[in-house]
């Protein structure tokens, strides 16, 4: 019987050991899938946005969105207090110039790289005057002296620019729409 007990114990130990190996492998695979998703999802999301922008031919051109409502999904998680404009950019071959008029209310411009990192944001309090001109350069651009605007260097050749204006109670909505249309994005290659 002692031999039989030892064999039973060995079989039980092997079953427990096999179970723990399977659990360890499953946890390791789950961790690796999580890491891959966390790393690649922002690139995938930006790629999807870029595909839509290229299909609509709006790379390096400004686009505008109407006042968001409960069904608006052009901007991810929009605020009903903000009016949105933007520009998908590609500065692979030439820098981009962005010009805009600054309204009397809150205004900001945010720059997002290809992996969706926000690498720069400028708001109305940082700008002197009623107009702004920004030059966006790619990571491999040659240094250039700029006298009539701000210079921003993107860590990637492609990305997205998002401009927000505060709507408030809506009493200045018409002037905000006019201001929104003053936004221009254009390649300096043209």
C-alpha atoms as a PDB file:
ATOM      1  CA  UNK A   1       0.000   0.000   0.000  1.00  0.00           C
ATOM      2  CA  UNK A   2       2.847   2.402   0.607  1.00  0.00           C
ATOM      3  CA  UNK A   3       3.833   2.233  -3.050  1.00  0.00           C
ATOM      4  CA  UNK A   4       0.248   2.885  -4.093  1.00  0.00           C
ATOM      5  CA  UNK A   5       0.014   5.876  -1.721  1.00  0.00           C
ATOM      6  CA  UNK A   6       3.240   7.281  -3.125  1.00  0.00           C
ATOM      7  CA  UNK A   7       1.970   6.874  -6.678  1.00  0.00           C
ATOM      8  CA  UNK A   8      -1.342   8.554  -5.755  1.00  0.00           C
ATOM      9  CA  UNK A   9       0.544  11.426  -4.096  1.00  0.00           C
ATOM     10  CA  UNK A  10       2.796  11.827  -7.135  1.00  0.00           C
ATOM     11  CA  UNK A  11      -0.226  11.877  -9.454  1.00  0.00           C
ATOM     12  CA  UNK A  12      -1.952  14.463  -7.235  1.00  0.00           C
ATOM     13  CA  UNK A  13       1.209  16.612  -7.128  1.00  0.00           C
ATOM     14  CA  UNK A  14       1.501  16.414 -10.919  1.00  0.00           C
ATOM     15  CA  UNK A  15      -2.148  17.454 -11.332  1.00  0.00           C
ATOM     16  CA  UNK A  16      -1.676  20.420  -8.967  1.00  0.00           C
ATOM     17  CA  UNK A  17       1.620  21.349 -10.634  1.00  0.00           C
ATOM     18  CA  UNK A  18       0.008  21.093 -14.086  1.00  0.00           C
ATOM     19  CA  UNK A  19      -2.909  23.253 -12.947  1.00  0.00           C
ATOM     20  CA  UNK A  20      -0.586  25.974 -11.611  1.00  0.00           C
ATOM     21  CA  UNK A  21       1.453  25.890 -14.842  1.00  0.00           C
ATOM     22  CA  UNK A  22      -1.738  26.387 -16.859  1.00  0.00           C
ATOM     23  CA  UNK A  23      -2.841  29.267 -14.630  1.00  0.00           C
ATOM     24  CA  UNK A  24       0.624  30.861 -14.870  1.00  0.00           C
ATOM     25  CA  UNK A  25       0.630  30.546 -18.665  1.00  0.00           C
ATOM     26  CA  UNK A  26      -2.891  31.996 -18.874  1.00  0.00           C
ATOM     27  CA  UNK A  27      -1.919  34.957 -16.652  1.00  0.00           C
ATOM     28  CA  UNK A  28       1.233  35.570 -18.706  1.00  0.00           C
ATOM     29  CA  UNK A  29      -0.745  35.482 -21.962  1.00  0.00           C
ATOM     30  CA  UNK A  30      -3.342  37.857 -20.519  1.00  0.00           C
ATOM     31  CA  UNK A  31      -0.614  40.264 -19.446  1.00  0.00           C
ATOM     32  CA  UNK A  32       1.026  40.169 -22.902  1.00  0.00           C
ATOM     33  CA  UNK A  33      -2.317  40.767 -24.657  1.00  0.00           C
ATOM     34  CA  UNK A  34      -2.972  43.689 -22.298  1.00  0.00           C
ATOM     35  CA  UNK A  35       0.452  45.215 -23.059  1.00  0.00           C
ATOM     36  CA  UNK A  36      -0.029  44.796 -26.809  1.00  0.00           C
ATOM     37  CA  UNK A  37      -3.506  46.367 -26.688  1.00  0.00           C
ATOM     38  CA  UNK A  38      -2.332  49.278 -24.529  1.00  0.00           C
ATOM     39  CA  UNK A  39       0.562  50.002 -26.886  1.00  0.00           C
ATOM     40  CA  UNK A  40      -1.116  49.489 -30.276  1.00  0.00           C
ATOM     41  CA  UNK A  41      -4.679  50.773 -29.683  1.00  0.00           C
ATOM     42  CA  UNK A  42      -3.785  54.513 -29.870  1.00  0.00           C
ATOM     43  CA  UNK A  43      -1.973  53.922 -33.176  1.00  0.00           C
ATOM     44  CA  UNK A  44      -4.928  51.934 -34.492  1.00  0.00           C
ATOM     45  CA  UNK A  45      -7.400  54.640 -33.455  1.00  0.00           C
ATOM     46  CA  UNK A  46      -5.329  57.400 -35.073  1.00  0.00           C
ATOM     47  CA  UNK A  47      -4.929  55.254 -38.202  1.00  0.00           C
ATOM     48  CA  UNK A  48      -8.721  54.893 -38.405  1.00  0.00           C
ATOM     49  CA  UNK A  49      -9.150  58.667 -38.063  1.00  0.00           C
ATOM     50  CA  UNK A  50      -6.481  59.238 -40.727  1.00  0.00           C
ATOM     51  CA  UNK A  51      -8.178  56.819 -43.122  1.00  0.00           C
ATOM     52  CA  UNK A  52     -11.454  58.702 -42.724  1.00  0.00           C
ATOM     53  CA  UNK A  53      -9.664  62.047 -43.200  1.00  0.00           C
ATOM     54  CA  UNK A  54      -7.852  60.832 -46.306  1.00  0.00           C
ATOM     55  CA  UNK A  55     -11.107  59.453 -47.743  1.00  0.00           C
ATOM     56  CA  UNK A  56     -12.712  62.864 -47.207  1.00  0.00           C
ATOM     57  CA  UNK A  57      -9.560  64.588 -48.540  1.00  0.00           C
ATOM     58  CA  UNK A  58      -9.086  66.733 -45.418  1.00  0.00           C
ATOM     59  CA  UNK A  59      -5.407  66.160 -44.619  1.00  0.00           C
ATOM     60  CA  UNK A  60      -3.748  69.551 -43.988  1.00  0.00           C
ATOM     61  CA  UNK A  61      -7.127  71.257 -44.347  1.00  0.00           C
ATOM     62  CA  UNK A  62      -9.308  72.670 -41.584  1.00  0.00           C
ATOM     63  CA  UNK A  63     -12.624  71.054 -40.741  1.00  0.00           C
ATOM     64  CA  UNK A  64     -15.396  72.363 -38.503  1.00  0.00           C
ATOM     65  CA  UNK A  65     -18.050  70.703 -36.391  1.00  0.00           C
ATOM     66  CA  UNK A  66     -21.429  72.071 -35.417  1.00  0.00           C
ATOM     67  CA  UNK A  67     -22.422  72.583 -31.793  1.00  0.00           C
ATOM     68  CA  UNK A  68     -22.419  69.087 -30.245  1.00  0.00           C
ATOM     69  CA  UNK A  69     -25.574  67.429 -28.994  1.00  0.00           C
ATOM     70  CA  UNK A  70     -26.360  64.101 -27.302  1.00  0.00           C
ATOM     71  CA  UNK A  71     -25.957  62.207 -30.596  1.00  0.00           C
ATOM     72  CA  UNK A  72     -22.722  63.845 -31.774  1.00  0.00           C
ATOM     73  CA  UNK A  73     -19.817  61.439 -32.134  1.00  0.00           C
ATOM     74  CA  UNK A  74     -17.542  63.235 -34.623  1.00  0.00           C
ATOM     75  CA  UNK A  75     -15.430  64.238 -31.634  1.00  0.00           C
ATOM     76  CA  UNK A  76     -14.819  61.565 -29.024  1.00  0.00           C
ATOM     77  CA  UNK A  77     -16.668  62.429 -25.794  1.00  0.00           C
ATOM     78  CA  UNK A  78     -17.643  65.981 -26.834  1.00  0.00           C
ATOM     79  CA  UNK A  79     -18.562  68.695 -24.358  1.00  0.00           C
ATOM     80  CA  UNK A  80     -21.848  70.500 -25.087  1.00  0.00           C
ATOM     81  CA  UNK A  81     -20.176  73.748 -23.963  1.00  0.00           C
ATOM     82  CA  UNK A  82     -17.512  73.669 -26.670  1.00  0.00           C
ATOM     83  CA  UNK A  83     -17.436  74.160 -30.417  1.00  0.00           C
ATOM     84  CA  UNK A  84     -14.833  72.044 -32.227  1.00  0.00           C
ATOM     85  CA  UNK A  85     -12.657  72.491 -35.299  1.00  0.00           C
ATOM     86  CA  UNK A  86      -9.590  70.605 -36.333  1.00  0.00           C
ATOM     87  CA  UNK A  87      -7.031  69.625 -38.887  1.00  0.00           C
ATOM     88  CA  UNK A  88      -5.539  66.225 -39.605  1.00  0.00           C
ATOM     89  CA  UNK A  89      -1.921  66.874 -40.506  1.00  0.00           C
ATOM     90  CA  UNK A  90       0.911  65.281 -42.440  1.00  0.00           C
ATOM     91  CA  UNK A  91       4.180  67.211 -42.132  1.00  0.00           C
ATOM     92  CA  UNK A  92       6.344  64.508 -43.725  1.00  0.00           C
ATOM     93  CA  UNK A  93       7.449  66.701 -46.629  1.00  0.00           C
ATOM     94  CA  UNK A  94       6.609  70.256 -45.597  1.00  0.00           C
ATOM     95  CA  UNK A  95       5.644  72.223 -42.492  1.00  0.00           C
ATOM     96  CA  UNK A  96       2.070  73.263 -41.855  1.00  0.00           C
ATOM     97  CA  UNK A  97       0.841  76.786 -41.145  1.00  0.00           C
ATOM     98  CA  UNK A  98      -2.194  77.263 -38.913  1.00  0.00           C
ATOM     99  CA  UNK A  99      -3.901  80.660 -38.647  1.00  0.00           C
ATOM    100  CA  UNK A 100      -6.891  81.549 -36.524  1.00  0.00           C
ATOM    101  CA  UNK A 101      -8.698  84.466 -34.977  1.00  0.00           C
ATOM    102  CA  UNK A 102      -8.995  84.386 -31.202  1.00  0.00           C
ATOM    103  CA  UNK A 103     -12.532  84.964 -29.830  1.00  0.00           C
ATOM    104  CA  UNK A 104     -13.438  86.903 -26.697  1.00  0.00           C
ATOM    105  CA  UNK A 105     -14.208  83.608 -24.953  1.00  0.00           C
ATOM    106  CA  UNK A 106     -12.050  80.608 -24.047  1.00  0.00           C
ATOM    107  CA  UNK A 107     -10.129  79.175 -27.014  1.00  0.00           C
ATOM    108  CA  UNK A 108      -7.481  76.464 -27.204  1.00  0.00           C
ATOM    109  CA  UNK A 109      -5.537  74.518 -29.794  1.00  0.00           C
ATOM    110  CA  UNK A 110      -4.154  71.078 -28.953  1.00  0.00           C
ATOM    111  CA  UNK A 111      -1.709  69.019 -30.980  1.00  0.00           C
ATOM    112  CA  UNK A 112      -1.833  65.211 -30.944  1.00  0.00           C
ATOM    113  CA  UNK A 113       0.874  62.956 -32.353  1.00  0.00           C
ATOM    114  CA  UNK A 114       0.365  59.740 -34.280  1.00  0.00           C
ATOM    115  CA  UNK A 115       0.075  57.709 -31.061  1.00  0.00           C
ATOM    116  CA  UNK A 116      -2.535  60.203 -29.690  1.00  0.00           C
ATOM    117  CA  UNK A 117      -0.136  61.840 -27.201  1.00  0.00           C
ATOM    118  CA  UNK A 118      -0.995  65.503 -26.616  1.00  0.00           C
ATOM    119  CA  UNK A 119       2.385  67.142 -27.125  1.00  0.00           C
ATOM    120  CA  UNK A 120       1.361  70.804 -27.020  1.00  0.00           C
ATOM    121  CA  UNK A 121      -1.617  72.974 -26.090  1.00  0.00           C
ATOM    122  CA  UNK A 122      -1.958  76.731 -26.420  1.00  0.00           C
ATOM    123  CA  UNK A 123      -4.936  78.708 -25.098  1.00  0.00           C
ATOM    124  CA  UNK A 124      -6.240  82.253 -25.491  1.00  0.00           C
ATOM    125  CA  UNK A 125      -4.420  83.478 -22.370  1.00  0.00           C
ATOM    126  CA  UNK A 126      -1.041  82.598 -23.914  1.00  0.00           C
ATOM    127  CA  UNK A 127      -1.637  84.610 -27.091  1.00  0.00           C
ATOM    128  CA  UNK A 128      -1.156  88.351 -27.405  1.00  0.00           C
ATOM    129  CA  UNK A 129      -3.606  89.827 -29.871  1.00  0.00           C
ATOM    130  CA  UNK A 130      -6.668  88.720 -31.785  1.00  0.00           C
ATOM    131  CA  UNK A 131      -4.917  86.453 -34.290  1.00  0.00           C
ATOM    132  CA  UNK A 132      -2.423  83.633 -34.066  1.00  0.00           C
ATOM    133  CA  UNK A 133      -0.152  81.980 -36.598  1.00  0.00           C
ATOM    134  CA  UNK A 134       1.471  78.674 -35.741  1.00  0.00           C
ATOM    135  CA  UNK A 135       4.004  76.728 -37.771  1.00  0.00           C
ATOM    136  CA  UNK A 136       3.994  72.974 -37.230  1.00  0.00           C
ATOM    137  CA  UNK A 137       7.176  71.152 -38.179  1.00  0.00           C
ATOM    138  CA  UNK A 138       7.804  67.412 -38.367  1.00  0.00           C
ATOM    139  CA  UNK A 139      10.467  65.566 -36.381  1.00  0.00           C
ATOM    140  CA  UNK A 140      12.900  65.524 -39.324  1.00  0.00           C
ATOM    141  CA  UNK A 141      12.392  69.124 -40.453  1.00  0.00           C
ATOM    142  CA  UNK A 142      15.278  71.466 -41.018  1.00  0.00           C
ATOM    143  CA  UNK A 143      15.587  74.311 -38.527  1.00  0.00           C
ATOM    144  CA  UNK A 144      13.904  77.467 -39.809  1.00  0.00           C
ATOM    145  CA  UNK A 145      13.796  80.976 -38.418  1.00  0.00           C
ATOM    146  CA  UNK A 146      10.227  82.193 -37.970  1.00  0.00           C
ATOM    147  CA  UNK A 147       9.391  85.803 -37.184  1.00  0.00           C
ATOM    148  CA  UNK A 148       5.639  85.997 -37.598  1.00  0.00           C
ATOM    149  CA  UNK A 149       4.316  83.154 -35.448  1.00  0.00           C
ATOM    150  CA  UNK A 150       4.851  80.353 -32.994  1.00  0.00           C
ATOM    151  CA  UNK A 151       6.811  77.202 -33.833  1.00  0.00           C
ATOM    152  CA  UNK A 152       5.748  73.753 -32.691  1.00  0.00           C
ATOM    153  CA  UNK A 153       7.641  70.568 -33.528  1.00  0.00           C
ATOM    154  CA  UNK A 154       5.628  67.373 -33.741  1.00  0.00           C
ATOM    155  CA  UNK A 155       7.202  64.124 -32.523  1.00  0.00           C
ATOM    156  CA  UNK A 156       5.523  62.341 -35.486  1.00  0.00           C
ATOM    157  CA  UNK A 157       4.895  63.243 -39.124  1.00  0.00           C
ATOM    158  CA  UNK A 158       1.162  62.648 -38.846  1.00  0.00           C
ATOM    159  CA  UNK A 159      -1.396  63.571 -36.230  1.00  0.00           C
ATOM    160  CA  UNK A 160      -4.380  65.716 -35.370  1.00  0.00           C
ATOM    161  CA  UNK A 161      -4.959  69.301 -34.291  1.00  0.00           C
ATOM    162  CA  UNK A 162      -8.071  70.047 -32.217  1.00  0.00           C
ATOM    163  CA  UNK A 163      -9.387  73.589 -31.652  1.00  0.00           C
ATOM    164  CA  UNK A 164     -11.995  74.305 -28.983  1.00  0.00           C
ATOM    165  CA  UNK A 165     -14.101  77.430 -28.378  1.00  0.00           C
ATOM    166  CA  UNK A 166     -16.312  77.979 -25.350  1.00  0.00           C
ATOM    167  CA  UNK A 167     -19.973  78.489 -26.303  1.00  0.00           C
ATOM    168  CA  UNK A 168     -21.256  79.681 -22.939  1.00  0.00           C
ATOM    169  CA  UNK A 169     -24.964  80.544 -23.019  1.00  0.00           C
ATOM    170  CA  UNK A 170     -24.953  80.660 -26.838  1.00  0.00           C
ATOM    171  CA  UNK A 171     -25.507  84.398 -27.108  1.00  0.00           C
ATOM    172  CA  UNK A 172     -22.341  84.801 -29.218  1.00  0.00           C
ATOM    173  CA  UNK A 173     -22.906  81.728 -31.349  1.00  0.00           C
ATOM    174  CA  UNK A 174     -22.923  83.578 -34.687  1.00  0.00           C
ATOM    175  CA  UNK A 175     -19.602  85.299 -33.983  1.00  0.00           C
ATOM    176  CA  UNK A 176     -18.147  81.956 -32.849  1.00  0.00           C
ATOM    177  CA  UNK A 177     -19.210  80.383 -36.158  1.00  0.00           C
ATOM    178  CA  UNK A 178     -17.521  83.278 -37.999  1.00  0.00           C
ATOM    179  CA  UNK A 179     -14.445  82.800 -35.866  1.00  0.00           C
ATOM    180  CA  UNK A 180     -14.516  79.063 -36.544  1.00  0.00           C
ATOM    181  CA  UNK A 181     -14.397  79.646 -40.298  1.00  0.00           C
ATOM    182  CA  UNK A 182     -11.319  81.868 -39.909  1.00  0.00           C
ATOM    183  CA  UNK A 183      -9.255  78.774 -39.069  1.00  0.00           C
ATOM    184  CA  UNK A 184      -6.876  77.799 -41.849  1.00  0.00           C
ATOM    185  CA  UNK A 185      -4.435  74.901 -42.106  1.00  0.00           C
ATOM    186  CA  UNK A 186      -2.221  74.757 -45.153  1.00  0.00           C
ATOM    187  CA  UNK A 187       1.006  73.118 -46.173  1.00  0.00           C
ATOM    188  CA  UNK A 188       3.919  75.465 -46.827  1.00  0.00           C
ATOM    189  CA  UNK A 189       4.826  73.253 -49.771  1.00  0.00           C
ATOM    190  CA  UNK A 190       2.108  74.885 -51.903  1.00  0.00           C
END
